[in-house]
Amino acid sequence: MVSPFIPLFIVLPLVAFWCWMAYDMVNNPDIPYSTPEPFRWPPRTKSYWLITFVVLNIFGAAYYYFTVYRDR
Protein backbone atom coordinates (compact mmCIF):
# COMPACT_ATOMS: atom_id res chain seq x y z
CA MET A 1 0.00 0.00 0.00
CA VAL A 2 1.29 3.45 -0.93
CA SER A 3 1.81 5.84 1.92
CA PRO A 4 -0.38 8.98 1.84
CA PHE A 5 2.69 11.03 2.75
CA ILE A 6 4.54 10.40 -0.53
CA PRO A 7 2.56 13.04 -2.47
CA LEU A 8 3.21 15.51 0.35
CA PHE A 9 6.97 15.05 -0.10
CA ILE A 10 6.54 16.11 -3.72
CA VAL A 11 3.95 18.88 -3.36
CA LEU A 12 5.18 20.68 -0.21
CA PRO A 13 8.65 21.58 -1.58
CA LEU A 14 7.02 22.91 -4.78
CA VAL A 15 4.56 25.03 -2.79
CA ALA A 16 7.38 26.29 -0.57
CA PHE A 17 9.45 27.22 -3.64
CA TRP A 18 6.47 29.04 -5.21
CA CYS A 19 5.85 31.00 -1.98
CA TRP A 20 9.54 31.86 -1.67
CA MET A 21 9.71 33.23 -5.23
CA ALA A 22 6.39 35.08 -4.89
CA TYR A 23 7.59 36.69 -1.65
CA ASP A 24 10.88 37.71 -3.28
CA MET A 25 9.09 39.11 -6.33
CA VAL A 26 6.73 41.23 -4.20
CA ASN A 27 9.64 42.60 -2.14
CA ASN A 28 12.05 43.14 -5.05
CA PRO A 29 12.64 46.92 -5.36
CA ASP A 30 14.15 46.54 -8.85
CA ILE A 31 10.83 45.52 -10.42
CA PRO A 32 8.32 48.35 -10.95
CA TYR A 33 4.79 47.77 -9.69
CA SER A 34 2.99 48.52 -12.95
CA THR A 35 3.27 50.39 -16.23
CA PRO A 36 0.69 51.50 -18.80
CA GLU A 37 2.21 49.28 -21.50
CA PRO A 38 0.43 46.03 -22.44
CA PHE A 39 1.63 42.61 -21.31
CA ARG A 40 4.94 41.63 -22.87
CA TRP A 41 7.10 38.57 -22.53
CA PRO A 42 9.17 38.39 -20.39
CA PRO A 43 7.14 40.16 -17.70
CA ARG A 44 8.63 43.47 -16.57
CA THR A 45 6.34 44.59 -13.76
CA LYS A 46 5.11 43.06 -10.52
CA SER A 47 1.53 42.94 -11.72
CA TYR A 48 2.53 40.99 -14.85
CA TRP A 49 4.81 38.70 -12.83
CA LEU A 50 1.84 38.00 -10.55
CA ILE A 51 -0.25 36.99 -13.57
CA THR A 52 2.59 34.73 -14.68
CA PHE A 53 2.84 33.17 -11.22
CA VAL A 54 -0.89 32.42 -11.12
CA VAL A 55 -1.27 31.16 -14.70
CA LEU A 56 1.96 29.17 -15.00
CA ASN A 57 2.15 28.26 -11.30
CA ILE A 58 5.43 26.48 -10.46
CA PHE A 59 6.80 27.00 -13.98
CA GLY A 60 6.30 30.76 -13.63
CA ALA A 61 8.12 30.70 -10.30
CA ALA A 62 10.96 28.71 -11.85
CA TYR A 63 11.15 31.18 -14.74
CA TYR A 64 11.34 34.05 -12.24
CA TYR A 65 14.11 32.22 -10.39
CA PHE A 66 16.21 31.72 -13.52
CA THR A 67 15.65 35.18 -15.01
CA VAL A 68 15.48 37.56 -12.05
CA TYR A 69 16.32 36.03 -8.68
CA ARG A 70 19.52 34.28 -9.72
CA ASP A 71 20.95 37.41 -11.37
CA ARG A 72 20.60 39.72 -8.34
PDB file of N, CA and C in Angstrom:
ATOM      1  N   MET A   1       0.842  -1.184   0.000  1.00  0.00           N
ATOM      2  CA  MET A   1       0.000   0.000   0.000  1.00  0.00           C
ATOM      3  C   MET A   1       0.887   1.247   0.000  1.00  0.00           C
ATOM      4  N   VAL A   2       0.523   2.211  -0.794  1.00  0.00           N
ATOM      5  CA  VAL A   2       1.291   3.448  -0.928  1.00  0.00           C
ATOM      6  C   VAL A   2       0.962   4.371   0.240  1.00  0.00           C
ATOM      7  N   SER A   3       1.985   4.934   0.798  1.00  0.00           N
ATOM      8  CA  SER A   3       1.806   5.841   1.924  1.00  0.00           C
ATOM      9  C   SER A   3       1.158   7.149   1.451  1.00  0.00           C
ATOM     10  N   PRO A   4       0.246   7.698   2.235  1.00  0.00           N
ATOM     11  CA  PRO A   4      -0.375   8.979   1.840  1.00  0.00           C
ATOM     12  C   PRO A   4       0.581  10.166   1.974  1.00  0.00           C
ATOM     13  N   PHE A   5       1.739   9.936   2.558  1.00  0.00           N
ATOM     14  CA  PHE A   5       2.691  11.030   2.745  1.00  0.00           C
ATOM     15  C   PHE A   5       3.611  11.231   1.553  1.00  0.00           C
ATOM     16  N   ILE A   6       3.665  10.272   0.641  1.00  0.00           N
ATOM     17  CA  ILE A   6       4.544  10.402  -0.526  1.00  0.00           C
ATOM     18  C   ILE A   6       4.163  11.600  -1.388  1.00  0.00           C
ATOM     19  N   PRO A   7       2.892  11.832  -1.705  1.00  0.00           N
ATOM     20  CA  PRO A   7       2.557  13.038  -2.475  1.00  0.00           C
ATOM     21  C   PRO A   7       2.914  14.332  -1.733  1.00  0.00           C
ATOM     22  N   LEU A   8       2.844  14.312  -0.414  1.00  0.00           N
ATOM     23  CA  LEU A   8       3.213  15.507   0.348  1.00  0.00           C
ATOM     24  C   LEU A   8       4.693  15.836   0.196  1.00  0.00           C
ATOM     25  N   PHE A   9       5.538  14.821   0.089  1.00  0.00           N
ATOM     26  CA  PHE A   9       6.972  15.052  -0.099  1.00  0.00           C
ATOM     27  C   PHE A   9       7.271  15.667  -1.458  1.00  0.00           C
ATOM     28  N   ILE A  10       6.372  15.505  -2.392  1.00  0.00           N
ATOM     29  CA  ILE A  10       6.543  16.110  -3.716  1.00  0.00           C
ATOM     30  C   ILE A  10       5.907  17.493  -3.760  1.00  0.00           C
ATOM     31  N   VAL A  11       4.716  17.641  -3.233  1.00  0.00           N
ATOM     32  CA  VAL A  11       3.954  18.882  -3.358  1.00  0.00           C
ATOM     33  C   VAL A  11       4.461  19.975  -2.419  1.00  0.00           C
ATOM     34  N   LEU A  12       4.763  19.647  -1.185  1.00  0.00           N
ATOM     35  CA  LEU A  12       5.176  20.676  -0.214  1.00  0.00           C
ATOM     36  C   LEU A  12       6.437  21.441  -0.623  1.00  0.00           C
ATOM     37  N   PRO A  13       7.499  20.784  -1.117  1.00  0.00           N
ATOM     38  CA  PRO A  13       8.648  21.581  -1.581  1.00  0.00           C
ATOM     39  C   PRO A  13       8.305  22.508  -2.752  1.00  0.00           C
ATOM     40  N   LEU A  14       7.421  22.060  -3.650  1.00  0.00           N
ATOM     41  CA  LEU A  14       7.025  22.912  -4.776  1.00  0.00           C
ATOM     42  C   LEU A  14       6.222  24.121  -4.300  1.00  0.00           C
ATOM     43  N   VAL A  15       5.333  23.918  -3.354  1.00  0.00           N
ATOM     44  CA  VAL A  15       4.556  25.029  -2.792  1.00  0.00           C
ATOM     45  C   VAL A  15       5.471  25.986  -2.043  1.00  0.00           C
ATOM     46  N   ALA A  16       6.430  25.444  -1.292  1.00  0.00           N
ATOM     47  CA  ALA A  16       7.379  26.295  -0.570  1.00  0.00           C
ATOM     48  C   ALA A  16       8.226  27.116  -1.540  1.00  0.00           C
ATOM     49  N   PHE A  17       8.671  26.499  -2.632  1.00  0.00           N
ATOM     50  CA  PHE A  17       9.452  27.222  -3.637  1.00  0.00           C
ATOM     51  C   PHE A  17       8.625  28.327  -4.273  1.00  0.00           C
ATOM     52  N   TRP A  18       7.353  28.041  -4.618  1.00  0.00           N
ATOM     53  CA  TRP A  18       6.470  29.036  -5.211  1.00  0.00           C
ATOM     54  C   TRP A  18       6.277  30.213  -4.259  1.00  0.00           C
ATOM     55  N   CYS A  19       6.040  29.928  -2.978  1.00  0.00           N
ATOM     56  CA  CYS A  19       5.850  30.995  -1.982  1.00  0.00           C
ATOM     57  C   CYS A  19       7.116  31.815  -1.809  1.00  0.00           C
ATOM     58  N   TRP A  20       8.269  31.164  -1.812  1.00  0.00           N
ATOM     59  CA  TRP A  20       9.542  31.860  -1.668  1.00  0.00           C
ATOM     60  C   TRP A  20       9.766  32.820  -2.833  1.00  0.00           C
ATOM     61  N   MET A  21       9.507  32.377  -4.067  1.00  0.00           N
ATOM     62  CA  MET A  21       9.708  33.234  -5.231  1.00  0.00           C
ATOM     63  C   MET A  21       8.658  34.342  -5.287  1.00  0.00           C
ATOM     64  N   ALA A  22       7.429  34.045  -4.905  1.00  0.00           N
ATOM     65  CA  ALA A  22       6.393  35.084  -4.887  1.00  0.00           C
ATOM     66  C   ALA A  22       6.730  36.151  -3.846  1.00  0.00           C
ATOM     67  N   TYR A  23       7.203  35.747  -2.681  1.00  0.00           N
ATOM     68  CA  TYR A  23       7.595  36.690  -1.647  1.00  0.00           C
ATOM     69  C   TYR A  23       8.757  37.562  -2.126  1.00  0.00           C
ATOM     70  N   ASP A  24       9.743  36.943  -2.768  1.00  0.00           N
ATOM     71  CA  ASP A  24      10.877  37.708  -3.279  1.00  0.00           C
ATOM     72  C   ASP A  24      10.441  38.671  -4.370  1.00  0.00           C
ATOM     73  N   MET A  25       9.547  38.246  -5.246  1.00  0.00           N
ATOM     74  CA  MET A  25       9.087  39.105  -6.327  1.00  0.00           C
ATOM     75  C   MET A  25       8.352  40.323  -5.779  1.00  0.00           C
ATOM     76  N   VAL A  26       7.500  40.124  -4.781  1.00  0.00           N
ATOM     77  CA  VAL A  26       6.735  41.229  -4.204  1.00  0.00           C
ATOM     78  C   VAL A  26       7.663  42.226  -3.501  1.00  0.00           C
ATOM     79  N   ASN A  27       8.728  41.739  -2.896  1.00  0.00           N
ATOM     80  CA  ASN A  27       9.642  42.602  -2.142  1.00  0.00           C
ATOM     81  C   ASN A  27      10.868  43.050  -2.934  1.00  0.00           C
ATOM     82  N   ASN A  28      10.919  42.753  -4.223  1.00  0.00           N
ATOM     83  CA  ASN A  28      12.055  43.144  -5.051  1.00  0.00           C
ATOM     84  C   ASN A  28      11.891  44.606  -5.471  1.00  0.00           C
ATOM     85  N   PRO A  29      12.788  45.498  -5.006  1.00  0.00           N
ATOM     86  CA  PRO A  29      12.643  46.916  -5.357  1.00  0.00           C
ATOM     87  C   PRO A  29      13.053  47.231  -6.797  1.00  0.00           C
ATOM     88  N   ASP A  30      13.699  46.307  -7.478  1.00  0.00           N
ATOM     89  CA  ASP A  30      14.149  46.545  -8.849  1.00  0.00           C
ATOM     90  C   ASP A  30      13.047  46.358  -9.884  1.00  0.00           C
ATOM     91  N   ILE A  31      11.936  45.754  -9.492  1.00  0.00           N
ATOM     92  CA  ILE A  31      10.830  45.525 -10.418  1.00  0.00           C
ATOM     93  C   ILE A  31       9.759  46.576 -10.147  1.00  0.00           C
ATOM     94  N   PRO A  32       9.388  47.362 -11.163  1.00  0.00           N
ATOM     95  CA  PRO A  32       8.318  48.353 -10.951  1.00  0.00           C
ATOM     96  C   PRO A  32       6.981  47.668 -10.718  1.00  0.00           C
ATOM     97  N   TYR A  33       6.082  48.371 -10.012  1.00  0.00           N
ATOM     98  CA  TYR A  33       4.792  47.770  -9.688  1.00  0.00           C
ATOM     99  C   TYR A  33       3.928  47.592 -10.925  1.00  0.00           C
ATOM    100  N   SER A  34       3.789  48.638 -11.718  1.00  0.00           N
ATOM    101  CA  SER A  34       2.995  48.524 -12.946  1.00  0.00           C
ATOM    102  C   SER A  34       3.400  49.618 -13.920  1.00  0.00           C
ATOM    103  N   THR A  35       3.049  49.409 -15.176  1.00  0.00           N
ATOM    104  CA  THR A  35       3.274  50.394 -16.233  1.00  0.00           C
ATOM    105  C   THR A  35       2.057  50.396 -17.135  1.00  0.00           C
ATOM    106  N   PRO A  36       1.857  51.458 -17.906  1.00  0.00           N
ATOM    107  CA  PRO A  36       0.688  51.498 -18.796  1.00  0.00           C
ATOM    108  C   PRO A  36       0.835  50.626 -20.041  1.00  0.00           C
ATOM    109  N   GLU A  37       2.025  50.082 -20.294  1.00  0.00           N
ATOM    110  CA  GLU A  37       2.213  49.279 -21.502  1.00  0.00           C
ATOM    111  C   GLU A  37       1.484  47.933 -21.381  1.00  0.00           C
ATOM    112  N   PRO A  38       1.129  47.328 -22.497  1.00  0.00           N
ATOM    113  CA  PRO A  38       0.434  46.026 -22.442  1.00  0.00           C
ATOM    114  C   PRO A  38       1.402  44.912 -22.023  1.00  0.00           C
ATOM    115  N   PHE A  39       0.837  43.760 -21.739  1.00  0.00           N
ATOM    116  CA  PHE A  39       1.633  42.607 -21.309  1.00  0.00           C
ATOM    117  C   PHE A  39       2.630  42.220 -22.381  1.00  0.00           C
ATOM    118  N   ARG A  40       3.871  42.047 -21.964  1.00  0.00           N
ATOM    119  CA  ARG A  40       4.942  41.630 -22.872  1.00  0.00           C
ATOM    120  C   ARG A  40       5.696  40.494 -22.222  1.00  0.00           C
ATOM    121  N   TRP A  41       6.299  39.654 -23.053  1.00  0.00           N
ATOM    122  CA  TRP A  41       7.105  38.568 -22.528  1.00  0.00           C
ATOM    123  C   TRP A  41       8.558  38.901 -22.731  1.00  0.00           C
ATOM    124  N   PRO A  42       9.422  38.814 -21.764  1.00  0.00           N
ATOM    125  CA  PRO A  42       9.174  38.390 -20.387  1.00  0.00           C
ATOM    126  C   PRO A  42       8.501  39.500 -19.586  1.00  0.00           C
ATOM    127  N   PRO A  43       7.813  39.142 -18.514  1.00  0.00           N
ATOM    128  CA  PRO A  43       7.140  40.155 -17.696  1.00  0.00           C
ATOM    129  C   PRO A  43       8.147  41.154 -17.134  1.00  0.00           C
ATOM    130  N   ARG A  44       7.725  42.425 -17.056  1.00  0.00           N
ATOM    131  CA  ARG A  44       8.630  43.466 -16.572  1.00  0.00           C
ATOM    132  C   ARG A  44       8.131  44.147 -15.310  1.00  0.00           C
ATOM    133  N   THR A  45       6.891  43.931 -14.948  1.00  0.00           N
ATOM    134  CA  THR A  45       6.343  44.591 -13.762  1.00  0.00           C
ATOM    135  C   THR A  45       5.810  43.550 -12.787  1.00  0.00           C
ATOM    136  N   LYS A  46       5.614  43.974 -11.542  1.00  0.00           N
ATOM    137  CA  LYS A  46       5.112  43.060 -10.521  1.00  0.00           C
ATOM    138  C   LYS A  46       3.722  42.545 -10.839  1.00  0.00           C
ATOM    139  N   SER A  47       2.883  43.398 -11.401  1.00  0.00           N
ATOM    140  CA  SER A  47       1.530  42.944 -11.719  1.00  0.00           C
ATOM    141  C   SER A  47       1.559  41.877 -12.808  1.00  0.00           C
ATOM    142  N   TYR A  48       2.432  42.000 -13.798  1.00  0.00           N
ATOM    143  CA  TYR A  48       2.533  40.994 -14.846  1.00  0.00           C
ATOM    144  C   TYR A  48       3.232  39.732 -14.352  1.00  0.00           C
ATOM    145  N   TRP A  49       4.197  39.890 -13.440  1.00  0.00           N
ATOM    146  CA  TRP A  49       4.809  38.704 -12.831  1.00  0.00           C
ATOM    147  C   TRP A  49       3.771  37.949 -12.017  1.00  0.00           C
ATOM    148  N   LEU A  50       2.878  38.656 -11.331  1.00  0.00           N
ATOM    149  CA  LEU A  50       1.836  37.995 -10.549  1.00  0.00           C
ATOM    150  C   LEU A  50       0.911  37.186 -11.460  1.00  0.00           C
ATOM    151  N   ILE A  51       0.560  37.741 -12.604  1.00  0.00           N
ATOM    152  CA  ILE A  51      -0.248  36.993 -13.570  1.00  0.00           C
ATOM    153  C   ILE A  51       0.496  35.733 -14.016  1.00  0.00           C
ATOM    154  N   THR A  52       1.775  35.873 -14.278  1.00  0.00           N
ATOM    155  CA  THR A  52       2.585  34.726 -14.682  1.00  0.00           C
ATOM    156  C   THR A  52       2.641  33.676 -13.587  1.00  0.00           C
ATOM    157  N   PHE A  53       2.796  34.105 -12.336  1.00  0.00           N
ATOM    158  CA  PHE A  53       2.840  33.172 -11.219  1.00  0.00           C
ATOM    159  C   PHE A  53       1.524  32.414 -11.082  1.00  0.00           C
ATOM    160  N   VAL A  54       0.410  33.076 -11.276  1.00  0.00           N
ATOM    161  CA  VAL A  54      -0.889  32.423 -11.116  1.00  0.00           C
ATOM    162  C   VAL A  54      -1.181  31.495 -12.302  1.00  0.00           C
ATOM    163  N   VAL A  55      -0.927  31.955 -13.511  1.00  0.00           N
ATOM    164  CA  VAL A  55      -1.267  31.159 -14.695  1.00  0.00           C
ATOM    165  C   VAL A  55      -0.309  29.976 -14.871  1.00  0.00           C
ATOM    166  N   LEU A  56       0.988  30.232 -14.769  1.00  0.00           N
ATOM    167  CA  LEU A  56       1.965  29.174 -15.002  1.00  0.00           C
ATOM    168  C   LEU A  56       2.346  28.413 -13.736  1.00  0.00           C
ATOM    169  N   ASN A  57       1.928  28.900 -12.585  1.00  0.00           N
ATOM    170  CA  ASN A  57       2.150  28.259 -11.298  1.00  0.00           C
ATOM    171  C   ASN A  57       3.632  27.993 -11.044  1.00  0.00           C
ATOM    172  N   ILE A  58       4.044  26.779 -10.837  1.00  0.00           N
ATOM    173  CA  ILE A  58       5.429  26.479 -10.457  1.00  0.00           C
ATOM    174  C   ILE A  58       6.388  26.792 -11.598  1.00  0.00           C
ATOM    175  N   PHE A  59       5.931  26.685 -12.845  1.00  0.00           N
ATOM    176  CA  PHE A  59       6.798  27.002 -13.978  1.00  0.00           C
ATOM    177  C   PHE A  59       7.071  28.509 -14.050  1.00  0.00           C
ATOM    178  N   GLY A  60       6.083  29.314 -13.696  1.00  0.00           N
ATOM    179  CA  GLY A  60       6.297  30.761 -13.625  1.00  0.00           C
ATOM    180  C   GLY A  60       7.274  31.125 -12.525  1.00  0.00           C
ATOM    181  N   ALA A  61       7.180  30.454 -11.386  1.00  0.00           N
ATOM    182  CA  ALA A  61       8.120  30.697 -10.297  1.00  0.00           C
ATOM    183  C   ALA A  61       9.532  30.269 -10.688  1.00  0.00           C
ATOM    184  N   ALA A  62       9.649  29.157 -11.386  1.00  0.00           N
ATOM    185  CA  ALA A  62      10.963  28.707 -11.853  1.00  0.00           C
ATOM    186  C   ALA A  62      11.535  29.681 -12.879  1.00  0.00           C
ATOM    187  N   TYR A  63      10.686  30.195 -13.763  1.00  0.00           N
ATOM    188  CA  TYR A  63      11.153  31.178 -14.745  1.00  0.00           C
ATOM    189  C   TYR A  63      11.641  32.446 -14.041  1.00  0.00           C
ATOM    190  N   TYR A  64      10.907  32.891 -13.019  1.00  0.00           N
ATOM    191  CA  TYR A  64      11.338  34.055 -12.240  1.00  0.00           C
ATOM    192  C   TYR A  64      12.692  33.767 -11.586  1.00  0.00           C
ATOM    193  N   TYR A  65      12.845  32.577 -11.035  1.00  0.00           N
ATOM    194  CA  TYR A  65      14.109  32.220 -10.385  1.00  0.00           C
ATOM    195  C   TYR A  65      15.274  32.315 -11.358  1.00  0.00           C
ATOM    196  N   PHE A  66      15.102  31.748 -12.551  1.00  0.00           N
ATOM    197  CA  PHE A  66      16.211  31.717 -13.516  1.00  0.00           C
ATOM    198  C   PHE A  66      16.464  33.055 -14.196  1.00  0.00           C
ATOM    199  N   THR A  67      15.459  33.917 -14.305  1.00  0.00           N
ATOM    200  CA  THR A  67      15.654  35.181 -15.013  1.00  0.00           C
ATOM    201  C   THR A  67      15.922  36.379 -14.105  1.00  0.00           C
ATOM    202  N   VAL A  68      15.352  36.392 -12.905  1.00  0.00           N
ATOM    203  CA  VAL A  68      15.480  37.565 -12.051  1.00  0.00           C
ATOM    204  C   VAL A  68      16.234  37.258 -10.764  1.00  0.00           C
ATOM    205  N   TYR A  69      15.781  36.292 -10.013  1.00  0.00           N
ATOM    206  CA  TYR A  69      16.318  36.030  -8.675  1.00  0.00           C
ATOM    207  C   TYR A  69      17.788  35.635  -8.729  1.00  0.00           C
ATOM    208  N   ARG A  70      18.150  34.771  -9.639  1.00  0.00           N
ATOM    209  CA  ARG A  70      19.523  34.280  -9.722  1.00  0.00           C
ATOM    210  C   ARG A  70      20.511  35.366 -10.136  1.00  0.00           C
ATOM    211  N   ASP A  71      20.054  36.377 -10.854  1.00  0.00           N
ATOM    212  CA  ASP A  71      20.945  37.412 -11.371  1.00  0.00           C
ATOM    213  C   ASP A  71      21.100  38.610 -10.430  1.00  0.00           C
ATOM    214  N   ARG A  72      20.480  38.567  -9.253  1.00  0.00           N
ATOM    215  CA  ARG A  72      20.597  39.719  -8.341  1.00  0.00           C
ATOM    216  C   ARG A  72      21.873  39.655  -7.556  1.00  0.00           C
TER     217      ARG A  72
END
